[in-house]
PDB file of N, CA and C in Angstrom:
ATOM      1  N   MET A   1       4.667  25.290  -6.733  1.00  0.00           N
ATOM      2  CA  MET A   1       3.926  24.331  -5.927  1.00  0.00           C
ATOM      3  C   MET A   1       3.120  23.378  -6.809  1.00  0.00           C
ATOM      4  N   ALA A   2       2.666  23.873  -7.939  1.00  0.00           N
ATOM      5  CA  ALA A   2       1.883  23.032  -8.849  1.00  0.00           C
ATOM      6  C   ALA A   2       2.721  21.865  -9.376  1.00  0.00           C
ATOM      7  N   HIS A   3       4.017  22.105  -9.580  1.00  0.00           N
ATOM      8  CA  HIS A   3       4.893  21.038 -10.063  1.00  0.00           C
ATOM      9  C   HIS A   3       5.021  19.929  -9.021  1.00  0.00           C
ATOM     10  N   VAL A   4       5.102  20.311  -7.764  1.00  0.00           N
ATOM     11  CA  VAL A   4       5.217  19.325  -6.687  1.00  0.00           C
ATOM     12  C   VAL A   4       3.944  18.496  -6.614  1.00  0.00           C
ATOM     13  N   GLN A   5       2.800  19.153  -6.680  1.00  0.00           N
ATOM     14  CA  GLN A   5       1.518  18.449  -6.616  1.00  0.00           C
ATOM     15  C   GLN A   5       1.359  17.502  -7.798  1.00  0.00           C
ATOM     16  N   LYS A   6       1.759  17.938  -8.978  1.00  0.00           N
ATOM     17  CA  LYS A   6       1.679  17.092 -10.171  1.00  0.00           C
ATOM     18  C   LYS A   6       2.589  15.889 -10.018  1.00  0.00           C
ATOM     19  N   PHE A   7       3.808  16.123  -9.503  1.00  0.00           N
ATOM     20  CA  PHE A   7       4.760  15.038  -9.274  1.00  0.00           C
ATOM     21  C   PHE A   7       4.181  14.017  -8.306  1.00  0.00           C
ATOM     22  N   ILE A   8       3.595  14.492  -7.205  1.00  0.00           N
ATOM     23  CA  ILE A   8       2.998  13.597  -6.212  1.00  0.00           C
ATOM     24  C   ILE A   8       1.842  12.816  -6.823  1.00  0.00           C
ATOM     25  N   ASN A   9       0.979  13.485  -7.561  1.00  0.00           N
ATOM     26  CA  ASN A   9      -0.158  12.807  -8.189  1.00  0.00           C
ATOM     27  C   ASN A   9       0.294  11.755  -9.195  1.00  0.00           C
ATOM     28  N   ASN A  10       1.318  12.058  -9.963  1.00  0.00           N
ATOM     29  CA  ASN A  10       1.797  11.135 -10.996  1.00  0.00           C
ATOM     30  C   ASN A  10       2.574   9.952 -10.429  1.00  0.00           C
ATOM     31  N   ASN A  11       3.071  10.087  -9.202  1.00  0.00           N
ATOM     32  CA  ASN A  11       3.921   9.048  -8.617  1.00  0.00           C
ATOM     33  C   ASN A  11       3.387   8.541  -7.286  1.00  0.00           C
ATOM     34  N   GLN A  12       2.102   8.666  -7.047  1.00  0.00           N
ATOM     35  CA  GLN A  12       1.517   8.338  -5.751  1.00  0.00           C
ATOM     36  C   GLN A  12       1.790   6.898  -5.318  1.00  0.00           C
ATOM     37  N   ARG A  13       1.576   5.948  -6.181  1.00  0.00           N
ATOM     38  CA  ARG A  13       1.792   4.541  -5.817  1.00  0.00           C
ATOM     39  C   ARG A  13       3.255   4.289  -5.484  1.00  0.00           C
ATOM     40  N   MET A  14       4.149   4.797  -6.315  1.00  0.00           N
ATOM     41  CA  MET A  14       5.570   4.580  -6.096  1.00  0.00           C
ATOM     42  C   MET A  14       6.047   5.279  -4.818  1.00  0.00           C
ATOM     43  N   LEU A  15       5.505   6.451  -4.527  1.00  0.00           N
ATOM     44  CA  LEU A  15       5.877   7.152  -3.296  1.00  0.00           C
ATOM     45  C   LEU A  15       5.405   6.372  -2.062  1.00  0.00           C
ATOM     46  N   LYS A  16       4.210   5.804  -2.116  1.00  0.00           N
ATOM     47  CA  LYS A  16       3.710   4.988  -1.002  1.00  0.00           C
ATOM     48  C   LYS A  16       4.571   3.743  -0.822  1.00  0.00           C
ATOM     49  N   LYS A  17       4.939   3.113  -1.928  1.00  0.00           N
ATOM     50  CA  LYS A  17       5.792   1.926  -1.885  1.00  0.00           C
ATOM     51  C   LYS A  17       7.155   2.285  -1.298  1.00  0.00           C
ATOM     52  N   THR A  18       7.697   3.413  -1.706  1.00  0.00           N
ATOM     53  CA  THR A  18       8.983   3.870  -1.198  1.00  0.00           C
ATOM     54  C   THR A  18       8.899   4.144   0.300  1.00  0.00           C
ATOM     55  N   LEU A  19       7.819   4.763   0.760  1.00  0.00           N
ATOM     56  CA  LEU A  19       7.648   5.053   2.179  1.00  0.00           C
ATOM     57  C   LEU A  19       7.542   3.769   3.004  1.00  0.00           C
ATOM     58  N   SER A  20       6.789   2.795   2.527  1.00  0.00           N
ATOM     59  CA  SER A  20       6.657   1.546   3.274  1.00  0.00           C
ATOM     60  C   SER A  20       7.994   0.813   3.330  1.00  0.00           C
ATOM     61  N   TYR A  21       8.745   0.854   2.247  1.00  0.00           N
ATOM     62  CA  TYR A  21      10.074   0.251   2.222  1.00  0.00           C
ATOM     63  C   TYR A  21      10.999   0.975   3.198  1.00  0.00           C
ATOM     64  N   TYR A  22      10.908   2.290   3.243  1.00  0.00           N
ATOM     65  CA  TYR A  22      11.718   3.112   4.144  1.00  0.00           C
ATOM     66  C   TYR A  22      11.469   2.739   5.604  1.00  0.00           C
ATOM     67  N   ILE A  23      10.212   2.611   5.977  1.00  0.00           N
ATOM     68  CA  ILE A  23       9.854   2.260   7.358  1.00  0.00           C
ATOM     69  C   ILE A  23      10.377   0.865   7.703  1.00  0.00           C
ATOM     70  N   MET A  24      10.191  -0.075   6.788  1.00  0.00           N
ATOM     71  CA  MET A  24      10.682  -1.427   7.019  1.00  0.00           C
ATOM     72  C   MET A  24      12.201  -1.425   7.153  1.00  0.00           C
ATOM     73  N   HIS A  25      12.870  -0.700   6.298  1.00  0.00           N
ATOM     74  CA  HIS A  25      14.326  -0.660   6.300  1.00  0.00           C
ATOM     75  C   HIS A  25      14.858  -0.036   7.593  1.00  0.00           C
ATOM     76  N   ILE A  26      14.234   1.034   8.063  1.00  0.00           N
ATOM     77  CA  ILE A  26      14.659   1.666   9.325  1.00  0.00           C
ATOM     78  C   ILE A  26      14.535   0.674  10.475  1.00  0.00           C
ATOM     79  N   THR A  27      13.439  -0.036  10.519  1.00  0.00           N
ATOM     80  CA  THR A  27      13.205  -0.998  11.592  1.00  0.00           C
ATOM     81  C   THR A  27      14.271  -2.090  11.601  1.00  0.00           C
ATOM     82  N   VAL A  28      14.520  -2.680  10.454  1.00  0.00           N
ATOM     83  CA  VAL A  28      15.522  -3.747  10.354  1.00  0.00           C
ATOM     84  C   VAL A  28      16.914  -3.191  10.658  1.00  0.00           C
ATOM     85  N   ALA A  29      17.237  -2.036  10.105  1.00  0.00           N
ATOM     86  CA  ALA A  29      18.559  -1.446  10.323  1.00  0.00           C
ATOM     87  C   ALA A  29      18.792  -1.134  11.796  1.00  0.00           C
ATOM     88  N   MET A  30      17.770  -0.656  12.496  1.00  0.00           N
ATOM     89  CA  MET A  30      17.933  -0.325  13.906  1.00  0.00           C
ATOM     90  C   MET A  30      18.177  -1.591  14.738  1.00  0.00           C
ATOM     91  N   ILE A  31      17.436  -2.622  14.451  1.00  0.00           N
ATOM     92  CA  ILE A  31      17.618  -3.880  15.177  1.00  0.00           C
ATOM     93  C   ILE A  31      19.029  -4.428  14.955  1.00  0.00           C
ATOM     94  N   VAL A  32      19.463  -4.463  13.715  1.00  0.00           N
ATOM     95  CA  VAL A  32      20.794  -4.982  13.394  1.00  0.00           C
ATOM     96  C   VAL A  32      21.873  -4.104  14.031  1.00  0.00           C
ATOM     97  N   ALA A  33      21.751  -2.789  13.901  1.00  0.00           N
ATOM     98  CA  ALA A  33      22.757  -1.886  14.464  1.00  0.00           C
ATOM     99  C   ALA A  33      22.817  -2.001  15.982  1.00  0.00           C
ATOM    100  N   TYR A  34      21.681  -2.197  16.626  1.00  0.00           N
ATOM    101  CA  TYR A  34      21.677  -2.343  18.079  1.00  0.00           C
ATOM    102  C   TYR A  34      22.336  -3.663  18.502  1.00  0.00           C
ATOM    103  N   VAL A  35      22.029  -4.727  17.772  1.00  0.00           N
ATOM    104  CA  VAL A  35      22.634  -6.027  18.090  1.00  0.00           C
ATOM    105  C   VAL A  35      24.154  -5.952  17.926  1.00  0.00           C
ATOM    106  N   VAL A  36      24.611  -5.279  16.893  1.00  0.00           N
ATOM    107  CA  VAL A  36      26.047  -5.184  16.622  1.00  0.00           C
ATOM    108  C   VAL A  36      26.754  -4.256  17.605  1.00  0.00           C
ATOM    109  N   THR A  37      26.146  -3.078  17.886  1.00  0.00           N
ATOM    110  CA  THR A  37      26.837  -2.072  18.709  1.00  0.00           C
ATOM    111  C   THR A  37      26.457  -2.124  20.177  1.00  0.00           C
ATOM    112  N   GLY A  38      25.241  -2.542  20.495  1.00  0.00           N
ATOM    113  CA  GLY A  38      24.766  -2.507  21.871  1.00  0.00           C
ATOM    114  C   GLY A  38      24.480  -1.099  22.359  1.00  0.00           C
ATOM    115  N   ASN A  39      24.503  -0.128  21.425  1.00  0.00           N
ATOM    116  CA  ASN A  39      24.304   1.276  21.778  1.00  0.00           C
ATOM    117  C   ASN A  39      23.070   1.801  21.045  1.00  0.00           C
ATOM    118  N   LEU A  40      22.063   2.229  21.797  1.00  0.00           N
ATOM    119  CA  LEU A  40      20.806   2.674  21.201  1.00  0.00           C
ATOM    120  C   LEU A  40      20.975   3.952  20.373  1.00  0.00           C
ATOM    121  N   LEU A  41      21.783   4.893  20.837  1.00  0.00           N
ATOM    122  CA  LEU A  41      21.984   6.146  20.089  1.00  0.00           C
ATOM    123  C   LEU A  41      22.670   5.889  18.749  1.00  0.00           C
ATOM    124  N   ILE A  42      23.707   5.091  18.758  1.00  0.00           N
ATOM    125  CA  ILE A  42      24.392   4.747  17.505  1.00  0.00           C
ATOM    126  C   ILE A  42      23.454   3.976  16.590  1.00  0.00           C
ATOM    127  N   ALA A  43      22.700   3.048  17.151  1.00  0.00           N
ATOM    128  CA  ALA A  43      21.751   2.262  16.354  1.00  0.00           C
ATOM    129  C   ALA A  43      20.707   3.170  15.711  1.00  0.00           C
ATOM    130  N   ALA A  44      20.181   4.124  16.461  1.00  0.00           N
ATOM    131  CA  ALA A  44      19.173   5.045  15.919  1.00  0.00           C
ATOM    132  C   ALA A  44      19.765   5.904  14.810  1.00  0.00           C
ATOM    133  N   THR A  45      20.976   6.402  15.026  1.00  0.00           N
ATOM    134  CA  THR A  45      21.635   7.239  14.016  1.00  0.00           C
ATOM    135  C   THR A  45      21.868   6.458  12.732  1.00  0.00           C
ATOM    136  N   LEU A  46      22.443   5.285  12.846  1.00  0.00           N
ATOM    137  CA  LEU A  46      22.691   4.460  11.661  1.00  0.00           C
ATOM    138  C   LEU A  46      21.398   4.059  10.966  1.00  0.00           C
ATOM    139  N   SER A  47      20.391   3.740  11.757  1.00  0.00           N
ATOM    140  CA  SER A  47      19.135   3.269  11.164  1.00  0.00           C
ATOM    141  C   SER A  47      18.392   4.375  10.433  1.00  0.00           C
ATOM    142  N   LEU A  48      18.653   5.614  10.738  1.00  0.00           N
ATOM    143  CA  LEU A  48      18.017   6.721  10.011  1.00  0.00           C
ATOM    144  C   LEU A  48      18.850   7.176   8.818  1.00  0.00           C
ATOM    145  N   LEU A  49      20.149   7.150   8.949  1.00  0.00           N
ATOM    146  CA  LEU A  49      21.022   7.640   7.888  1.00  0.00           C
ATOM    147  C   LEU A  49      21.023   6.729   6.663  1.00  0.00           C
ATOM    148  N   GLU A  50      21.377   5.487   6.839  1.00  0.00           N
ATOM    149  CA  GLU A  50      21.526   4.570   5.703  1.00  0.00           C
ATOM    150  C   GLU A  50      20.207   4.333   4.957  1.00  0.00           C
ATOM    151  N   PRO A  51      19.100   4.039   5.647  1.00  0.00           N
ATOM    152  CA  PRO A  51      17.852   3.828   4.907  1.00  0.00           C
ATOM    153  C   PRO A  51      17.329   5.087   4.205  1.00  0.00           C
ATOM    154  N   THR A  52      17.644   6.256   4.738  1.00  0.00           N
ATOM    155  CA  THR A  52      17.214   7.489   4.065  1.00  0.00           C
ATOM    156  C   THR A  52      17.895   7.597   2.709  1.00  0.00           C
ATOM    157  N   VAL A  53      19.189   7.343   2.680  1.00  0.00           N
ATOM    158  CA  VAL A  53      19.917   7.361   1.415  1.00  0.00           C
ATOM    159  C   VAL A  53      19.382   6.260   0.496  1.00  0.00           C
ATOM    160  N   GLN A  54      19.149   5.076   1.056  1.00  0.00           N
ATOM    161  CA  GLN A  54      18.621   3.958   0.265  1.00  0.00           C
ATOM    162  C   GLN A  54      17.237   4.253  -0.311  1.00  0.00           C
ATOM    163  N   ALA A  55      16.389   4.953   0.434  1.00  0.00           N
ATOM    164  CA  ALA A  55      15.040   5.270  -0.054  1.00  0.00           C
ATOM    165  C   ALA A  55      15.111   6.133  -1.311  1.00  0.00           C
ATOM    166  N   PHE A  56      15.990   7.121  -1.311  1.00  0.00           N
ATOM    167  CA  PHE A  56      16.152   7.953  -2.503  1.00  0.00           C
ATOM    168  C   PHE A  56      16.718   7.125  -3.658  1.00  0.00           C
ATOM    169  N   ALA A  57      17.685   6.279  -3.359  1.00  0.00           N
ATOM    170  CA  ALA A  57      18.256   5.430  -4.395  1.00  0.00           C
ATOM    171  C   ALA A  57      17.209   4.470  -4.961  1.00  0.00           C
ATOM    172  N   PHE A  58      16.366   3.913  -4.078  1.00  0.00           N
ATOM    173  CA  PHE A  58      15.306   3.010  -4.516  1.00  0.00           C
ATOM    174  C   PHE A  58      14.326   3.723  -5.444  1.00  0.00           C
ATOM    175  N   PHE A  59      13.937   4.933  -5.092  1.00  0.00           N
ATOM    176  CA  PHE A  59      12.984   5.691  -5.909  1.00  0.00           C
ATOM    177  C   PHE A  59      13.571   5.941  -7.296  1.00  0.00           C
ATOM    178  N   ILE A  60      14.820   6.366  -7.343  1.00  0.00           N
ATOM    179  CA  ILE A  60      15.476   6.620  -8.628  1.00  0.00           C
ATOM    180  C   ILE A  60      15.586   5.318  -9.424  1.00  0.00           C
ATOM    181  N   HIS A  61      15.947   4.237  -8.741  1.00  0.00           N
ATOM    182  CA  HIS A  61      16.040   2.928  -9.378  1.00  0.00           C
ATOM    183  C   HIS A  61      14.703   2.530  -9.991  1.00  0.00           C
ATOM    184  N   GLU A  62      13.615   2.707  -9.263  1.00  0.00           N
ATOM    185  CA  GLU A  62      12.280   2.369  -9.768  1.00  0.00           C
ATOM    186  C   GLU A  62      11.920   3.215 -10.982  1.00  0.00           C
ATOM    187  N   ARG A  63      12.259   4.504 -10.950  1.00  0.00           N
ATOM    188  CA  ARG A  63      11.969   5.393 -12.086  1.00  0.00           C
ATOM    189  C   ARG A  63      12.710   4.923 -13.341  1.00  0.00           C
ATOM    190  N   ILE A  64      13.956   4.544 -13.173  1.00  0.00           N
ATOM    191  CA  ILE A  64      14.742   4.068 -14.316  1.00  0.00           C
ATOM    192  C   ILE A  64      14.128   2.792 -14.875  1.00  0.00           C
ATOM    193  N   TRP A  65      13.773   1.846 -14.015  1.00  0.00           N
ATOM    194  CA  TRP A  65      13.183   0.594 -14.466  1.00  0.00           C
ATOM    195  C   TRP A  65      11.818   0.812 -15.103  1.00  0.00           C
ATOM    196  N   GLU A  66      11.073   1.780 -14.594  1.00  0.00           N
ATOM    197  CA  GLU A  66       9.756   2.065 -15.152  1.00  0.00           C
ATOM    198  C   GLU A  66       9.873   2.603 -16.580  1.00  0.00           C
ATOM    199  N   ARG A  67      10.893   3.356 -16.857  1.00  0.00           N
ATOM    200  CA  ARG A  67      11.094   3.943 -18.185  1.00  0.00           C
ATOM    201  C   ARG A  67      11.770   2.995 -19.163  1.00  0.00           C
ATOM    202  N   LYS A  68      12.478   2.036 -18.627  1.00  0.00           N
ATOM    203  CA  LYS A  68      13.234   1.101 -19.467  1.00  0.00           C
ATOM    204  C   LYS A  68      12.270   0.170 -20.190  1.00  0.00           C
ATOM    205  N   THR A  69      12.471   0.019 -21.463  1.00  0.00           N
ATOM    206  CA  THR A  69      11.684  -0.955 -22.216  1.00  0.00           C
ATOM    207  C   THR A  69      12.579  -2.121 -22.565  1.00  0.00           C
ATOM    208  N   PHE A  70      12.080  -3.281 -22.328  1.00  0.00           N
ATOM    209  CA  PHE A  70      12.843  -4.484 -22.601  1.00  0.00           C
ATOM    210  C   PHE A  70      12.301  -5.132 -23.848  1.00  0.00           C
ATOM    211  N   SER A  71      13.195  -5.427 -24.740  1.00  0.00           N
ATOM    212  CA  SER A  71      12.798  -6.132 -25.955  1.00  0.00           C
ATOM    213  C   SER A  71      13.673  -7.373 -26.073  1.00  0.00           C
ATOM    214  N   PRO A  72      13.136  -8.395 -26.696  1.00  0.00           N
ATOM    215  CA  PRO A  72      13.941  -9.626 -26.856  1.00  0.00           C
ATOM    216  C   PRO A  72      15.215  -9.320 -27.640  1.00  0.00           C
ATOM    217  N   GLN A  73      16.294  -9.893 -27.186  1.00  0.00           N
ATOM    218  CA  GLN A  73      17.562  -9.692 -27.890  1.00  0.00           C
ATOM    219  C   GLN A  73      17.663 -10.669 -29.046  1.00  0.00           C
ATOM    220  N   LYS A  74      18.175 -10.176 -30.141  1.00  0.00           N
ATOM    221  CA  LYS A  74      18.373 -11.012 -31.314  1.00  0.00           C
ATOM    222  C   LYS A  74      19.807 -11.493 -31.301  1.00  0.00           C
ATOM    223  N   HIS A  75      19.983 -12.772 -31.524  1.00  0.00           N
ATOM    224  CA  HIS A  75      21.339 -13.345 -31.545  1.00  0.00           C
ATOM    225  C   HIS A  75      21.728 -13.644 -32.959  1.00  0.00           C
TER     226      HIS A  75
END
């Protein structure tokens, strides 16, 4: 449990950013899926599935970019 707490403490800002992105993404995905399908159940299912996968991908993407150091390229 201590590892989880340490992880949360060390990544608090990024976790909050990921959560806000997740909520925004679900909202947009549900609206789009409903407009396309006209079916609320399908729209709800799609809007929860795809953004959930995207939220994890976004978090991993942010971690990689945070660790990456960019230096000027020499030509």
